[in-house]
PDBML (XML) file of the C-alpha atoms, coordinates in Angstrom:
<?xml version="1.0" encoding="UTF-8" ?>
<PDBx:datablock datablockName="MODEL"
   xmlns:PDBx="http://pdbml.pdb.org/schema/pdbx-v50.xsd"
   xmlns:xsi="http://www.w3.org/2001/XMLSchema-instance"
   xsi:schemaLocation="http://pdbml.pdb.org/schema/pdbx-v50.xsd pdbx-v50.xsd">
   <PDBx:atom_siteCategory>
      <PDBx:atom_site id="1">
         <PDBx:B_iso_or_equiv>0.00</PDBx:B_iso_or_equiv>
         <PDBx:Cartn_x>106.627</PDBx:Cartn_x>
         <PDBx:Cartn_y>101.000</PDBx:Cartn_y>
         <PDBx:Cartn_z>22.449</PDBx:Cartn_z>
         <PDBx:auth_asym_id>A</PDBx:auth_asym_id>
         <PDBx:auth_atom_id>CA</PDBx:auth_atom_id>
         <PDBx:auth_comp_id>PRO</PDBx:auth_comp_id>
         <PDBx:auth_seq_id>1</PDBx:auth_seq_id>
         <PDBx:group_PDB>ATOM</PDBx:group_PDB>
         <PDBx:label_alt_id xsi:nil="true" />
         <PDBx:label_asym_id>A</PDBx:label_asym_id>
         <PDBx:label_atom_id>CA</PDBx:label_atom_id>
         <PDBx:label_comp_id>PRO</PDBx:label_comp_id>
         <PDBx:label_entity_id>1</PDBx:label_entity_id>
         <PDBx:label_seq_id>1</PDBx:label_seq_id>
         <PDBx:occupancy>1.00</PDBx:occupancy>
         <PDBx:pdbx_PDB_model_num>1</PDBx:pdbx_PDB_model_num>
         <PDBx:type_symbol>C</PDBx:type_symbol>
      </PDBx:atom_site>
      <PDBx:atom_site id="2">
         <PDBx:B_iso_or_equiv>0.00</PDBx:B_iso_or_equiv>
         <PDBx:Cartn_x>108.460</PDBx:Cartn_x>
         <PDBx:Cartn_y>101.668</PDBx:Cartn_y>
         <PDBx:Cartn_z>19.095</PDBx:Cartn_z>
         <PDBx:auth_asym_id>A</PDBx:auth_asym_id>
         <PDBx:auth_atom_id>CA</PDBx:auth_atom_id>
         <PDBx:auth_comp_id>SER</PDBx:auth_comp_id>
         <PDBx:auth_seq_id>2</PDBx:auth_seq_id>
         <PDBx:group_PDB>ATOM</PDBx:group_PDB>
         <PDBx:label_alt_id xsi:nil="true" />
         <PDBx:label_asym_id>A</PDBx:label_asym_id>
         <PDBx:label_atom_id>CA</PDBx:label_atom_id>
         <PDBx:label_comp_id>SER</PDBx:label_comp_id>
         <PDBx:label_entity_id>1</PDBx:label_entity_id>
         <PDBx:label_seq_id>2</PDBx:label_seq_id>
         <PDBx:occupancy>1.00</PDBx:occupancy>
         <PDBx:pdbx_PDB_model_num>1</PDBx:pdbx_PDB_model_num>
         <PDBx:type_symbol>C</PDBx:type_symbol>
      </PDBx:atom_site>
      <PDBx:atom_site id="3">
         <PDBx:B_iso_or_equiv>0.00</PDBx:B_iso_or_equiv>
         <PDBx:Cartn_x>109.148</PDBx:Cartn_x>
         <PDBx:Cartn_y>105.371</PDBx:Cartn_y>
         <PDBx:Cartn_z>19.730</PDBx:Cartn_z>
         <PDBx:auth_asym_id>A</PDBx:auth_asym_id>
         <PDBx:auth_atom_id>CA</PDBx:auth_atom_id>
         <PDBx:auth_comp_id>SER</PDBx:auth_comp_id>
         <PDBx:auth_seq_id>3</PDBx:auth_seq_id>
         <PDBx:group_PDB>ATOM</PDBx:group_PDB>
         <PDBx:label_alt_id xsi:nil="true" />
         <PDBx:label_asym_id>A</PDBx:label_asym_id>
         <PDBx:label_atom_id>CA</PDBx:label_atom_id>
         <PDBx:label_comp_id>SER</PDBx:label_comp_id>
         <PDBx:label_entity_id>1</PDBx:label_entity_id>
         <PDBx:label_seq_id>3</PDBx:label_seq_id>
         <PDBx:occupancy>1.00</PDBx:occupancy>
         <PDBx:pdbx_PDB_model_num>1</PDBx:pdbx_PDB_model_num>
         <PDBx:type_symbol>C</PDBx:type_symbol>
      </PDBx:atom_site>
      <PDBx:atom_site id="4">
         <PDBx:B_iso_or_equiv>0.00</PDBx:B_iso_or_equiv>
         <PDBx:Cartn_x>112.683</PDBx:Cartn_x>
         <PDBx:Cartn_y>106.356</PDBx:Cartn_y>
         <PDBx:Cartn_z>19.429</PDBx:Cartn_z>
         <PDBx:auth_asym_id>A</PDBx:auth_asym_id>
         <PDBx:auth_atom_id>CA</PDBx:auth_atom_id>
         <PDBx:auth_comp_id>PRO</PDBx:auth_comp_id>
         <PDBx:auth_seq_id>4</PDBx:auth_seq_id>
         <PDBx:group_PDB>ATOM</PDBx:group_PDB>
         <PDBx:label_alt_id xsi:nil="true" />
         <PDBx:label_asym_id>A</PDBx:label_asym_id>
         <PDBx:label_atom_id>CA</PDBx:label_atom_id>
         <PDBx:label_comp_id>PRO</PDBx:label_comp_id>
         <PDBx:label_entity_id>1</PDBx:label_entity_id>
         <PDBx:label_seq_id>4</PDBx:label_seq_id>
         <PDBx:occupancy>1.00</PDBx:occupancy>
         <PDBx:pdbx_PDB_model_num>1</PDBx:pdbx_PDB_model_num>
         <PDBx:type_symbol>C</PDBx:type_symbol>
      </PDBx:atom_site>
      <PDBx:atom_site id="5">
         <PDBx:B_iso_or_equiv>0.00</PDBx:B_iso_or_equiv>
         <PDBx:Cartn_x>111.944</PDBx:Cartn_x>
         <PDBx:Cartn_y>109.505</PDBx:Cartn_y>
         <PDBx:Cartn_z>21.465</PDBx:Cartn_z>
         <PDBx:auth_asym_id>A</PDBx:auth_asym_id>
         <PDBx:auth_atom_id>CA</PDBx:auth_atom_id>
         <PDBx:auth_comp_id>VAL</PDBx:auth_comp_id>
         <PDBx:auth_seq_id>5</PDBx:auth_seq_id>
         <PDBx:group_PDB>ATOM</PDBx:group_PDB>
         <PDBx:label_alt_id xsi:nil="true" />
         <PDBx:label_asym_id>A</PDBx:label_asym_id>
         <PDBx:label_atom_id>CA</PDBx:label_atom_id>
         <PDBx:label_comp_id>VAL</PDBx:label_comp_id>
         <PDBx:label_entity_id>1</PDBx:label_entity_id>
         <PDBx:label_seq_id>5</PDBx:label_seq_id>
         <PDBx:occupancy>1.00</PDBx:occupancy>
         <PDBx:pdbx_PDB_model_num>1</PDBx:pdbx_PDB_model_num>
         <PDBx:type_symbol>C</PDBx:type_symbol>
      </PDBx:atom_site>
      <PDBx:atom_site id="6">
         <PDBx:B_iso_or_equiv>0.00</PDBx:B_iso_or_equiv>
         <PDBx:Cartn_x>110.550</PDBx:Cartn_x>
         <PDBx:Cartn_y>107.344</PDBx:Cartn_y>
         <PDBx:Cartn_z>24.325</PDBx:Cartn_z>
         <PDBx:auth_asym_id>A</PDBx:auth_asym_id>
         <PDBx:auth_atom_id>CA</PDBx:auth_atom_id>
         <PDBx:auth_comp_id>TYR</PDBx:auth_comp_id>
         <PDBx:auth_seq_id>6</PDBx:auth_seq_id>
         <PDBx:group_PDB>ATOM</PDBx:group_PDB>
         <PDBx:label_alt_id xsi:nil="true" />
         <PDBx:label_asym_id>A</PDBx:label_asym_id>
         <PDBx:label_atom_id>CA</PDBx:label_atom_id>
         <PDBx:label_comp_id>TYR</PDBx:label_comp_id>
         <PDBx:label_entity_id>1</PDBx:label_entity_id>
         <PDBx:label_seq_id>6</PDBx:label_seq_id>
         <PDBx:occupancy>1.00</PDBx:occupancy>
         <PDBx:pdbx_PDB_model_num>1</PDBx:pdbx_PDB_model_num>
         <PDBx:type_symbol>C</PDBx:type_symbol>
      </PDBx:atom_site>
      <PDBx:atom_site id="7">
         <PDBx:B_iso_or_equiv>0.00</PDBx:B_iso_or_equiv>
         <PDBx:Cartn_x>113.547</PDBx:Cartn_x>
         <PDBx:Cartn_y>104.963</PDBx:Cartn_y>
         <PDBx:Cartn_z>24.244</PDBx:Cartn_z>
         <PDBx:auth_asym_id>A</PDBx:auth_asym_id>
         <PDBx:auth_atom_id>CA</PDBx:auth_atom_id>
         <PDBx:auth_comp_id>ARG</PDBx:auth_comp_id>
         <PDBx:auth_seq_id>7</PDBx:auth_seq_id>
         <PDBx:group_PDB>ATOM</PDBx:group_PDB>
         <PDBx:label_alt_id xsi:nil="true" />
         <PDBx:label_asym_id>A</PDBx:label_asym_id>
         <PDBx:label_atom_id>CA</PDBx:label_atom_id>
         <PDBx:label_comp_id>ARG</PDBx:label_comp_id>
         <PDBx:label_entity_id>1</PDBx:label_entity_id>
         <PDBx:label_seq_id>7</PDBx:label_seq_id>
         <PDBx:occupancy>1.00</PDBx:occupancy>
         <PDBx:pdbx_PDB_model_num>1</PDBx:pdbx_PDB_model_num>
         <PDBx:type_symbol>C</PDBx:type_symbol>
      </PDBx:atom_site>
      <PDBx:atom_site id="8">
         <PDBx:B_iso_or_equiv>0.00</PDBx:B_iso_or_equiv>
         <PDBx:Cartn_x>116.131</PDBx:Cartn_x>
         <PDBx:Cartn_y>107.753</PDBx:Cartn_y>
         <PDBx:Cartn_z>24.159</PDBx:Cartn_z>
         <PDBx:auth_asym_id>A</PDBx:auth_asym_id>
         <PDBx:auth_atom_id>CA</PDBx:auth_atom_id>
         <PDBx:auth_comp_id>GLU</PDBx:auth_comp_id>
         <PDBx:auth_seq_id>8</PDBx:auth_seq_id>
         <PDBx:group_PDB>ATOM</PDBx:group_PDB>
         <PDBx:label_alt_id xsi:nil="true" />
         <PDBx:label_asym_id>A</PDBx:label_asym_id>
         <PDBx:label_atom_id>CA</PDBx:label_atom_id>
         <PDBx:label_comp_id>GLU</PDBx:label_comp_id>
         <PDBx:label_entity_id>1</PDBx:label_entity_id>
         <PDBx:label_seq_id>8</PDBx:label_seq_id>
         <PDBx:occupancy>1.00</PDBx:occupancy>
         <PDBx:pdbx_PDB_model_num>1</PDBx:pdbx_PDB_model_num>
         <PDBx:type_symbol>C</PDBx:type_symbol>
      </PDBx:atom_site>
      <PDBx:atom_site id="9">
         <PDBx:B_iso_or_equiv>0.00</PDBx:B_iso_or_equiv>
         <PDBx:Cartn_x>114.678</PDBx:Cartn_x>
         <PDBx:Cartn_y>109.510</PDBx:Cartn_y>
         <PDBx:Cartn_z>27.226</PDBx:Cartn_z>
         <PDBx:auth_asym_id>A</PDBx:auth_asym_id>
         <PDBx:auth_atom_id>CA</PDBx:auth_atom_id>
         <PDBx:auth_comp_id>HIS</PDBx:auth_comp_id>
         <PDBx:auth_seq_id>9</PDBx:auth_seq_id>
         <PDBx:group_PDB>ATOM</PDBx:group_PDB>
         <PDBx:label_alt_id xsi:nil="true" />
         <PDBx:label_asym_id>A</PDBx:label_asym_id>
         <PDBx:label_atom_id>CA</PDBx:label_atom_id>
         <PDBx:label_comp_id>HIS</PDBx:label_comp_id>
         <PDBx:label_entity_id>1</PDBx:label_entity_id>
         <PDBx:label_seq_id>9</PDBx:label_seq_id>
         <PDBx:occupancy>1.00</PDBx:occupancy>
         <PDBx:pdbx_PDB_model_num>1</PDBx:pdbx_PDB_model_num>
         <PDBx:type_symbol>C</PDBx:type_symbol>
      </PDBx:atom_site>
      <PDBx:atom_site id="10">
         <PDBx:B_iso_or_equiv>0.00</PDBx:B_iso_or_equiv>
         <PDBx:Cartn_x>114.067</PDBx:Cartn_x>
         <PDBx:Cartn_y>106.149</PDBx:Cartn_y>
         <PDBx:Cartn_z>29.126</PDBx:Cartn_z>
         <PDBx:auth_asym_id>A</PDBx:auth_asym_id>
         <PDBx:auth_atom_id>CA</PDBx:auth_atom_id>
         <PDBx:auth_comp_id>ALA</PDBx:auth_comp_id>
         <PDBx:auth_seq_id>10</PDBx:auth_seq_id>
         <PDBx:group_PDB>ATOM</PDBx:group_PDB>
         <PDBx:label_alt_id xsi:nil="true" />
         <PDBx:label_asym_id>A</PDBx:label_asym_id>
         <PDBx:label_atom_id>CA</PDBx:label_atom_id>
         <PDBx:label_comp_id>ALA</PDBx:label_comp_id>
         <PDBx:label_entity_id>1</PDBx:label_entity_id>
         <PDBx:label_seq_id>10</PDBx:label_seq_id>
         <PDBx:occupancy>1.00</PDBx:occupancy>
         <PDBx:pdbx_PDB_model_num>1</PDBx:pdbx_PDB_model_num>
         <PDBx:type_symbol>C</PDBx:type_symbol>
      </PDBx:atom_site>
      <PDBx:atom_site id="11">
         <PDBx:B_iso_or_equiv>0.00</PDBx:B_iso_or_equiv>
         <PDBx:Cartn_x>117.590</PDBx:Cartn_x>
         <PDBx:Cartn_y>105.035</PDBx:Cartn_y>
         <PDBx:Cartn_z>28.670</PDBx:Cartn_z>
         <PDBx:auth_asym_id>A</PDBx:auth_asym_id>
         <PDBx:auth_atom_id>CA</PDBx:auth_atom_id>
         <PDBx:auth_comp_id>LEU</PDBx:auth_comp_id>
         <PDBx:auth_seq_id>11</PDBx:auth_seq_id>
         <PDBx:group_PDB>ATOM</PDBx:group_PDB>
         <PDBx:label_alt_id xsi:nil="true" />
         <PDBx:label_asym_id>A</PDBx:label_asym_id>
         <PDBx:label_atom_id>CA</PDBx:label_atom_id>
         <PDBx:label_comp_id>LEU</PDBx:label_comp_id>
         <PDBx:label_entity_id>1</PDBx:label_entity_id>
         <PDBx:label_seq_id>11</PDBx:label_seq_id>
         <PDBx:occupancy>1.00</PDBx:occupancy>
         <PDBx:pdbx_PDB_model_num>1</PDBx:pdbx_PDB_model_num>
         <PDBx:type_symbol>C</PDBx:type_symbol>
      </PDBx:atom_site>
      <PDBx:atom_site id="12">
         <PDBx:B_iso_or_equiv>0.00</PDBx:B_iso_or_equiv>
         <PDBx:Cartn_x>118.965</PDBx:Cartn_x>
         <PDBx:Cartn_y>108.374</PDBx:Cartn_y>
         <PDBx:Cartn_z>29.850</PDBx:Cartn_z>
         <PDBx:auth_asym_id>A</PDBx:auth_asym_id>
         <PDBx:auth_atom_id>CA</PDBx:auth_atom_id>
         <PDBx:auth_comp_id>ALA</PDBx:auth_comp_id>
         <PDBx:auth_seq_id>12</PDBx:auth_seq_id>
         <PDBx:group_PDB>ATOM</PDBx:group_PDB>
         <PDBx:label_alt_id xsi:nil="true" />
         <PDBx:label_asym_id>A</PDBx:label_asym_id>
         <PDBx:label_atom_id>CA</PDBx:label_atom_id>
         <PDBx:label_comp_id>ALA</PDBx:label_comp_id>
         <PDBx:label_entity_id>1</PDBx:label_entity_id>
         <PDBx:label_seq_id>12</PDBx:label_seq_id>
         <PDBx:occupancy>1.00</PDBx:occupancy>
         <PDBx:pdbx_PDB_model_num>1</PDBx:pdbx_PDB_model_num>
         <PDBx:type_symbol>C</PDBx:type_symbol>
      </PDBx:atom_site>
      <PDBx:atom_site id="13">
         <PDBx:B_iso_or_equiv>0.00</PDBx:B_iso_or_equiv>
         <PDBx:Cartn_x>116.804</PDBx:Cartn_x>
         <PDBx:Cartn_y>108.080</PDBx:Cartn_y>
         <PDBx:Cartn_z>32.959</PDBx:Cartn_z>
         <PDBx:auth_asym_id>A</PDBx:auth_asym_id>
         <PDBx:auth_atom_id>CA</PDBx:auth_atom_id>
         <PDBx:auth_comp_id>LEU</PDBx:auth_comp_id>
         <PDBx:auth_seq_id>13</PDBx:auth_seq_id>
         <PDBx:group_PDB>ATOM</PDBx:group_PDB>
         <PDBx:label_alt_id xsi:nil="true" />
         <PDBx:label_asym_id>A</PDBx:label_asym_id>
         <PDBx:label_atom_id>CA</PDBx:label_atom_id>
         <PDBx:label_comp_id>LEU</PDBx:label_comp_id>
         <PDBx:label_entity_id>1</PDBx:label_entity_id>
         <PDBx:label_seq_id>13</PDBx:label_seq_id>
         <PDBx:occupancy>1.00</PDBx:occupancy>
         <PDBx:pdbx_PDB_model_num>1</PDBx:pdbx_PDB_model_num>
         <PDBx:type_symbol>C</PDBx:type_symbol>
      </PDBx:atom_site>
      <PDBx:atom_site id="14">
         <PDBx:B_iso_or_equiv>0.00</PDBx:B_iso_or_equiv>
         <PDBx:Cartn_x>117.871</PDBx:Cartn_x>
         <PDBx:Cartn_y>104.449</PDBx:Cartn_y>
         <PDBx:Cartn_z>33.383</PDBx:Cartn_z>
         <PDBx:auth_asym_id>A</PDBx:auth_asym_id>
         <PDBx:auth_atom_id>CA</PDBx:auth_atom_id>
         <PDBx:auth_comp_id>THR</PDBx:auth_comp_id>
         <PDBx:auth_seq_id>14</PDBx:auth_seq_id>
         <PDBx:group_PDB>ATOM</PDBx:group_PDB>
         <PDBx:label_alt_id xsi:nil="true" />
         <PDBx:label_asym_id>A</PDBx:label_asym_id>
         <PDBx:label_atom_id>CA</PDBx:label_atom_id>
         <PDBx:label_comp_id>THR</PDBx:label_comp_id>
         <PDBx:label_entity_id>1</PDBx:label_entity_id>
         <PDBx:label_seq_id>14</PDBx:label_seq_id>
         <PDBx:occupancy>1.00</PDBx:occupancy>
         <PDBx:pdbx_PDB_model_num>1</PDBx:pdbx_PDB_model_num>
         <PDBx:type_symbol>C</PDBx:type_symbol>
      </PDBx:atom_site>
      <PDBx:atom_site id="15">
         <PDBx:B_iso_or_equiv>0.00</PDBx:B_iso_or_equiv>
         <PDBx:Cartn_x>121.486</PDBx:Cartn_x>
         <PDBx:Cartn_y>105.271</PDBx:Cartn_y>
         <PDBx:Cartn_z>33.146</PDBx:Cartn_z>
         <PDBx:auth_asym_id>A</PDBx:auth_asym_id>
         <PDBx:auth_atom_id>CA</PDBx:auth_atom_id>
         <PDBx:auth_comp_id>ARG</PDBx:auth_comp_id>
         <PDBx:auth_seq_id>15</PDBx:auth_seq_id>
         <PDBx:group_PDB>ATOM</PDBx:group_PDB>
         <PDBx:label_alt_id xsi:nil="true" />
         <PDBx:label_asym_id>A</PDBx:label_asym_id>
         <PDBx:label_atom_id>CA</PDBx:label_atom_id>
         <PDBx:label_comp_id>ARG</PDBx:label_comp_id>
         <PDBx:label_entity_id>1</PDBx:label_entity_id>
         <PDBx:label_seq_id>15</PDBx:label_seq_id>
         <PDBx:occupancy>1.00</PDBx:occupancy>
         <PDBx:pdbx_PDB_model_num>1</PDBx:pdbx_PDB_model_num>
         <PDBx:type_symbol>C</PDBx:type_symbol>
      </PDBx:atom_site>
      <PDBx:atom_site id="16">
         <PDBx:B_iso_or_equiv>0.00</PDBx:B_iso_or_equiv>
         <PDBx:Cartn_x>121.078</PDBx:Cartn_x>
         <PDBx:Cartn_y>108.265</PDBx:Cartn_y>
         <PDBx:Cartn_z>35.644</PDBx:Cartn_z>
         <PDBx:auth_asym_id>A</PDBx:auth_asym_id>
         <PDBx:auth_atom_id>CA</PDBx:auth_atom_id>
         <PDBx:auth_comp_id>ALA</PDBx:auth_comp_id>
         <PDBx:auth_seq_id>16</PDBx:auth_seq_id>
         <PDBx:group_PDB>ATOM</PDBx:group_PDB>
         <PDBx:label_alt_id xsi:nil="true" />
         <PDBx:label_asym_id>A</PDBx:label_asym_id>
         <PDBx:label_atom_id>CA</PDBx:label_atom_id>
         <PDBx:label_comp_id>ALA</PDBx:label_comp_id>
         <PDBx:label_entity_id>1</PDBx:label_entity_id>
         <PDBx:label_seq_id>16</PDBx:label_seq_id>
         <PDBx:occupancy>1.00</PDBx:occupancy>
         <PDBx:pdbx_PDB_model_num>1</PDBx:pdbx_PDB_model_num>
         <PDBx:type_symbol>C</PDBx:type_symbol>
      </PDBx:atom_site>
      <PDBx:atom_site id="17">
         <PDBx:B_iso_or_equiv>0.00</PDBx:B_iso_or_equiv>
         <PDBx:Cartn_x>119.465</PDBx:Cartn_x>
         <PDBx:Cartn_y>106.075</PDBx:Cartn_y>
         <PDBx:Cartn_z>38.220</PDBx:Cartn_z>
         <PDBx:auth_asym_id>A</PDBx:auth_asym_id>
         <PDBx:auth_atom_id>CA</PDBx:auth_atom_id>
         <PDBx:auth_comp_id>ILE</PDBx:auth_comp_id>
         <PDBx:auth_seq_id>17</PDBx:auth_seq_id>
         <PDBx:group_PDB>ATOM</PDBx:group_PDB>
         <PDBx:label_alt_id xsi:nil="true" />
         <PDBx:label_asym_id>A</PDBx:label_asym_id>
         <PDBx:label_atom_id>CA</PDBx:label_atom_id>
         <PDBx:label_comp_id>ILE</PDBx:label_comp_id>
         <PDBx:label_entity_id>1</PDBx:label_entity_id>
         <PDBx:label_seq_id>17</PDBx:label_seq_id>
         <PDBx:occupancy>1.00</PDBx:occupancy>
         <PDBx:pdbx_PDB_model_num>1</PDBx:pdbx_PDB_model_num>
         <PDBx:type_symbol>C</PDBx:type_symbol>
      </PDBx:atom_site>
      <PDBx:atom_site id="18">
         <PDBx:B_iso_or_equiv>0.00</PDBx:B_iso_or_equiv>
         <PDBx:Cartn_x>121.856</PDBx:Cartn_x>
         <PDBx:Cartn_y>103.119</PDBx:Cartn_y>
         <PDBx:Cartn_z>37.742</PDBx:Cartn_z>
         <PDBx:auth_asym_id>A</PDBx:auth_asym_id>
         <PDBx:auth_atom_id>CA</PDBx:auth_atom_id>
         <PDBx:auth_comp_id>ALA</PDBx:auth_comp_id>
         <PDBx:auth_seq_id>18</PDBx:auth_seq_id>
         <PDBx:group_PDB>ATOM</PDBx:group_PDB>
         <PDBx:label_alt_id xsi:nil="true" />
         <PDBx:label_asym_id>A</PDBx:label_asym_id>
         <PDBx:label_atom_id>CA</PDBx:label_atom_id>
         <PDBx:label_comp_id>ALA</PDBx:label_comp_id>
         <PDBx:label_entity_id>1</PDBx:label_entity_id>
         <PDBx:label_seq_id>18</PDBx:label_seq_id>
         <PDBx:occupancy>1.00</PDBx:occupancy>
         <PDBx:pdbx_PDB_model_num>1</PDBx:pdbx_PDB_model_num>
         <PDBx:type_symbol>C</PDBx:type_symbol>
      </PDBx:atom_site>
      <PDBx:atom_site id="19">
         <PDBx:B_iso_or_equiv>0.00</PDBx:B_iso_or_equiv>
         <PDBx:Cartn_x>124.902</PDBx:Cartn_x>
         <PDBx:Cartn_y>105.453</PDBx:Cartn_y>
         <PDBx:Cartn_z>38.219</PDBx:Cartn_z>
         <PDBx:auth_asym_id>A</PDBx:auth_asym_id>
         <PDBx:auth_atom_id>CA</PDBx:auth_atom_id>
         <PDBx:auth_comp_id>GLU</PDBx:auth_comp_id>
         <PDBx:auth_seq_id>19</PDBx:auth_seq_id>
         <PDBx:group_PDB>ATOM</PDBx:group_PDB>
         <PDBx:label_alt_id xsi:nil="true" />
         <PDBx:label_asym_id>A</PDBx:label_asym_id>
         <PDBx:label_atom_id>CA</PDBx:label_atom_id>
         <PDBx:label_comp_id>GLU</PDBx:label_comp_id>
         <PDBx:label_entity_id>1</PDBx:label_entity_id>
         <PDBx:label_seq_id>19</PDBx:label_seq_id>
         <PDBx:occupancy>1.00</PDBx:occupancy>
         <PDBx:pdbx_PDB_model_num>1</PDBx:pdbx_PDB_model_num>
         <PDBx:type_symbol>C</PDBx:type_symbol>
      </PDBx:atom_site>
      <PDBx:atom_site id="20">
         <PDBx:B_iso_or_equiv>0.00</PDBx:B_iso_or_equiv>
         <PDBx:Cartn_x>123.393</PDBx:Cartn_x>
         <PDBx:Cartn_y>107.088</PDBx:Cartn_y>
         <PDBx:Cartn_z>41.214</PDBx:Cartn_z>
         <PDBx:auth_asym_id>A</PDBx:auth_asym_id>
         <PDBx:auth_atom_id>CA</PDBx:auth_atom_id>
         <PDBx:auth_comp_id>ARG</PDBx:auth_comp_id>
         <PDBx:auth_seq_id>20</PDBx:auth_seq_id>
         <PDBx:group_PDB>ATOM</PDBx:group_PDB>
         <PDBx:label_alt_id xsi:nil="true" />
         <PDBx:label_asym_id>A</PDBx:label_asym_id>
         <PDBx:label_atom_id>CA</PDBx:label_atom_id>
         <PDBx:label_comp_id>ARG</PDBx:label_comp_id>
         <PDBx:label_entity_id>1</PDBx:label_entity_id>
         <PDBx:label_seq_id>20</PDBx:label_seq_id>
         <PDBx:occupancy>1.00</PDBx:occupancy>
         <PDBx:pdbx_PDB_model_num>1</PDBx:pdbx_PDB_model_num>
         <PDBx:type_symbol>C</PDBx:type_symbol>
      </PDBx:atom_site>
      <PDBx:atom_site id="21">
         <PDBx:B_iso_or_equiv>0.00</PDBx:B_iso_or_equiv>
         <PDBx:Cartn_x>122.597</PDBx:Cartn_x>
         <PDBx:Cartn_y>103.821</PDBx:Cartn_y>
         <PDBx:Cartn_z>43.221</PDBx:Cartn_z>
         <PDBx:auth_asym_id>A</PDBx:auth_asym_id>
         <PDBx:auth_atom_id>CA</PDBx:auth_atom_id>
         <PDBx:auth_comp_id>TYR</PDBx:auth_comp_id>
         <PDBx:auth_seq_id>21</PDBx:auth_seq_id>
         <PDBx:group_PDB>ATOM</PDBx:group_PDB>
         <PDBx:label_alt_id xsi:nil="true" />
         <PDBx:label_asym_id>A</PDBx:label_asym_id>
         <PDBx:label_atom_id>CA</PDBx:label_atom_id>
         <PDBx:label_comp_id>TYR</PDBx:label_comp_id>
         <PDBx:label_entity_id>1</PDBx:label_entity_id>
         <PDBx:label_seq_id>21</PDBx:label_seq_id>
         <PDBx:occupancy>1.00</PDBx:occupancy>
         <PDBx:pdbx_PDB_model_num>1</PDBx:pdbx_PDB_model_num>
         <PDBx:type_symbol>C</PDBx:type_symbol>
      </PDBx:atom_site>
      <PDBx:atom_site id="22">
         <PDBx:B_iso_or_equiv>0.00</PDBx:B_iso_or_equiv>
         <PDBx:Cartn_x>125.125</PDBx:Cartn_x>
         <PDBx:Cartn_y>101.455</PDBx:Cartn_y>
         <PDBx:Cartn_z>41.687</PDBx:Cartn_z>
         <PDBx:auth_asym_id>A</PDBx:auth_asym_id>
         <PDBx:auth_atom_id>CA</PDBx:auth_atom_id>
         <PDBx:auth_comp_id>ARG</PDBx:auth_comp_id>
         <PDBx:auth_seq_id>22</PDBx:auth_seq_id>
         <PDBx:group_PDB>ATOM</PDBx:group_PDB>
         <PDBx:label_alt_id xsi:nil="true" />
         <PDBx:label_asym_id>A</PDBx:label_asym_id>
         <PDBx:label_atom_id>CA</PDBx:label_atom_id>
         <PDBx:label_comp_id>ARG</PDBx:label_comp_id>
         <PDBx:label_entity_id>1</PDBx:label_entity_id>
         <PDBx:label_seq_id>22</PDBx:label_seq_id>
         <PDBx:occupancy>1.00</PDBx:occupancy>
         <PDBx:pdbx_PDB_model_num>1</PDBx:pdbx_PDB_model_num>
         <PDBx:type_symbol>C</PDBx:type_symbol>
      </PDBx:atom_site>
      <PDBx:atom_site id="23">
         <PDBx:B_iso_or_equiv>0.00</PDBx:B_iso_or_equiv>
         <PDBx:Cartn_x>126.794</PDBx:Cartn_x>
         <PDBx:Cartn_y>100.954</PDBx:Cartn_y>
         <PDBx:Cartn_z>45.144</PDBx:Cartn_z>
         <PDBx:auth_asym_id>A</PDBx:auth_asym_id>
         <PDBx:auth_atom_id>CA</PDBx:auth_atom_id>
         <PDBx:auth_comp_id>GLU</PDBx:auth_comp_id>
         <PDBx:auth_seq_id>23</PDBx:auth_seq_id>
         <PDBx:group_PDB>ATOM</PDBx:group_PDB>
         <PDBx:label_alt_id xsi:nil="true" />
         <PDBx:label_asym_id>A</PDBx:label_asym_id>
         <PDBx:label_atom_id>CA</PDBx:label_atom_id>
         <PDBx:label_comp_id>GLU</PDBx:label_comp_id>
         <PDBx:label_entity_id>1</PDBx:label_entity_id>
         <PDBx:label_seq_id>23</PDBx:label_seq_id>
         <PDBx:occupancy>1.00</PDBx:occupancy>
         <PDBx:pdbx_PDB_model_num>1</PDBx:pdbx_PDB_model_num>
         <PDBx:type_symbol>C</PDBx:type_symbol>
      </PDBx:atom_site>
      <PDBx:atom_site id="24">
         <PDBx:B_iso_or_equiv>0.00</PDBx:B_iso_or_equiv>
         <PDBx:Cartn_x>123.872</PDBx:Cartn_x>
         <PDBx:Cartn_y>101.425</PDBx:Cartn_y>
         <PDBx:Cartn_z>47.410</PDBx:Cartn_z>
         <PDBx:auth_asym_id>A</PDBx:auth_asym_id>
         <PDBx:auth_atom_id>CA</PDBx:auth_atom_id>
         <PDBx:auth_comp_id>HIS</PDBx:auth_comp_id>
         <PDBx:auth_seq_id>24</PDBx:auth_seq_id>
         <PDBx:group_PDB>ATOM</PDBx:group_PDB>
         <PDBx:label_alt_id xsi:nil="true" />
         <PDBx:label_asym_id>A</PDBx:label_asym_id>
         <PDBx:label_atom_id>CA</PDBx:label_atom_id>
         <PDBx:label_comp_id>HIS</PDBx:label_comp_id>
         <PDBx:label_entity_id>1</PDBx:label_entity_id>
         <PDBx:label_seq_id>24</PDBx:label_seq_id>
         <PDBx:occupancy>1.00</PDBx:occupancy>
         <PDBx:pdbx_PDB_model_num>1</PDBx:pdbx_PDB_model_num>
         <PDBx:type_symbol>C</PDBx:type_symbol>
      </PDBx:atom_site>
   </PDBx:atom_siteCategory>
</PDBx:datablock>
């Protein structure tokens, strides 16, 4: 849970999904 690698990739995925479906 403290991994900076996990957090970096998780936040990148979160942003990609949010931007894709922000207006759905």
